Amino acid sequence: MRALAMLALACLACAAHPEPAVPEGPSPAADALIEHAGSPEEKKELTAVRDQVDAEKRAEAAALDAEIARLERENAELRKRR
């Protein structure tokens, strides 16, 4: 059951609609799942998984933002050469 809940939590975090900027604080996607945890231990584990997924997704977003900025600079430089 715990593994299924963690998988559901990870899927919810991945399926959240993208925002223009990465919001601060924990993702609300799993709040209902965490709130209905069967025990304090399960709640703690779900919260830890949510935080781990949030950190991974924020790192991915930062890498993509850096790549976008690099490509925009490269594009601007190429347009200057025309």
Protein backbone atom coordinates (compact mmCIF):
# COMPACT_ATOMS: atom_id res chain seq x y z
CA MET A 1 0.00 0.00 0.00
CA ARG A 2 2.80 2.39 0.92
CA ALA A 3 4.58 1.84 -2.40
CA LEU A 4 1.34 2.49 -4.29
CA ALA A 5 0.83 5.71 -2.36
CA MET A 6 4.39 6.84 -3.12
CA LEU A 7 3.94 6.03 -6.79
CA ALA A 8 0.68 7.99 -6.86
CA LEU A 9 2.41 10.91 -5.16
CA ALA A 10 5.21 10.92 -7.72
CA CYS A 11 2.71 10.75 -10.59
CA LEU A 12 0.70 13.63 -9.17
CA ALA A 13 3.81 15.77 -8.86
CA CYS A 14 4.85 15.02 -12.43
CA ALA A 15 1.38 15.65 -13.86
CA ALA A 16 0.93 19.06 -12.24
CA HIS A 17 0.30 21.83 -14.77
CA PRO A 18 3.44 23.83 -15.50
CA GLU A 19 3.51 27.44 -14.32
CA PRO A 20 5.51 30.25 -15.90
CA ALA A 21 7.78 30.32 -12.83
CA VAL A 22 8.57 27.58 -10.36
CA PRO A 23 6.58 28.40 -7.21
CA GLU A 24 8.27 28.45 -3.83
CA GLY A 25 7.39 26.01 -1.07
CA PRO A 26 6.07 22.47 -1.25
CA SER A 27 3.95 21.35 -4.17
CA PRO A 28 0.25 21.18 -3.27
CA ALA A 29 -0.35 18.26 -5.68
CA ALA A 30 -0.07 15.64 -2.93
CA ASP A 31 -1.66 17.56 -0.06
CA ALA A 32 -4.84 15.47 -0.04
CA LEU A 33 -2.87 12.23 -0.16
CA ILE A 34 -0.62 13.34 2.70
CA GLU A 35 -3.59 14.63 4.71
CA HIS A 36 -5.31 11.24 4.53
CA ALA A 37 -2.24 9.21 5.47
CA GLY A 38 -3.01 6.27 7.72
CA SER A 39 -0.40 7.05 10.36
CA PRO A 40 2.05 9.78 11.37
CA GLU A 41 4.87 7.58 9.99
CA GLU A 42 3.15 7.28 6.60
CA LYS A 43 2.49 11.03 6.59
CA LYS A 44 6.17 11.66 7.31
CA GLU A 45 7.24 9.29 4.50
CA LEU A 46 4.81 10.81 2.00
CA THR A 47 6.00 14.29 2.90
CA ALA A 48 9.61 13.20 2.40
CA VAL A 49 8.78 11.71 -1.01
CA ARG A 50 6.92 14.87 -2.01
CA ASP A 51 9.89 16.98 -0.97
CA GLN A 52 12.28 14.73 -2.91
CA VAL A 53 10.13 14.90 -6.06
CA ASP A 54 9.80 18.68 -5.64
CA ALA A 55 13.58 19.05 -5.38
CA GLU A 56 14.17 16.90 -8.45
CA LYS A 57 11.57 18.77 -10.51
CA ARG A 58 12.93 22.16 -9.41
CA ALA A 59 16.42 21.06 -10.47
CA GLU A 60 15.05 19.94 -13.85
CA ALA A 61 13.23 23.25 -14.26
CA ALA A 62 16.38 25.20 -13.42
CA ALA A 63 18.37 23.20 -15.97
CA LEU A 64 15.72 23.80 -18.63
CA ASP A 65 15.60 27.51 -17.78
CA ALA A 66 19.38 27.70 -18.18
CA GLU A 67 19.19 25.89 -21.52
CA ILE A 68 16.44 28.25 -22.72
CA ALA A 69 18.52 31.28 -21.72
CA ARG A 70 21.54 29.85 -23.56
CA LEU A 71 19.50 29.19 -26.69
CA GLU A 72 17.97 32.68 -26.58
CA ARG A 73 21.45 34.21 -26.36
CA GLU A 74 22.66 32.01 -29.21
CA ASN A 75 19.61 32.92 -31.29
CA ALA A 76 20.14 36.63 -30.68
CA GLU A 77 23.78 36.30 -31.71
CA LEU A 78 22.84 34.45 -34.91
CA ARG A 79 20.27 37.13 -35.78
CA LYS A 80 22.92 39.83 -35.39
CA ARG A 81 25.05 38.06 -38.00
CA ARG A 82 22.34 38.19 -40.69
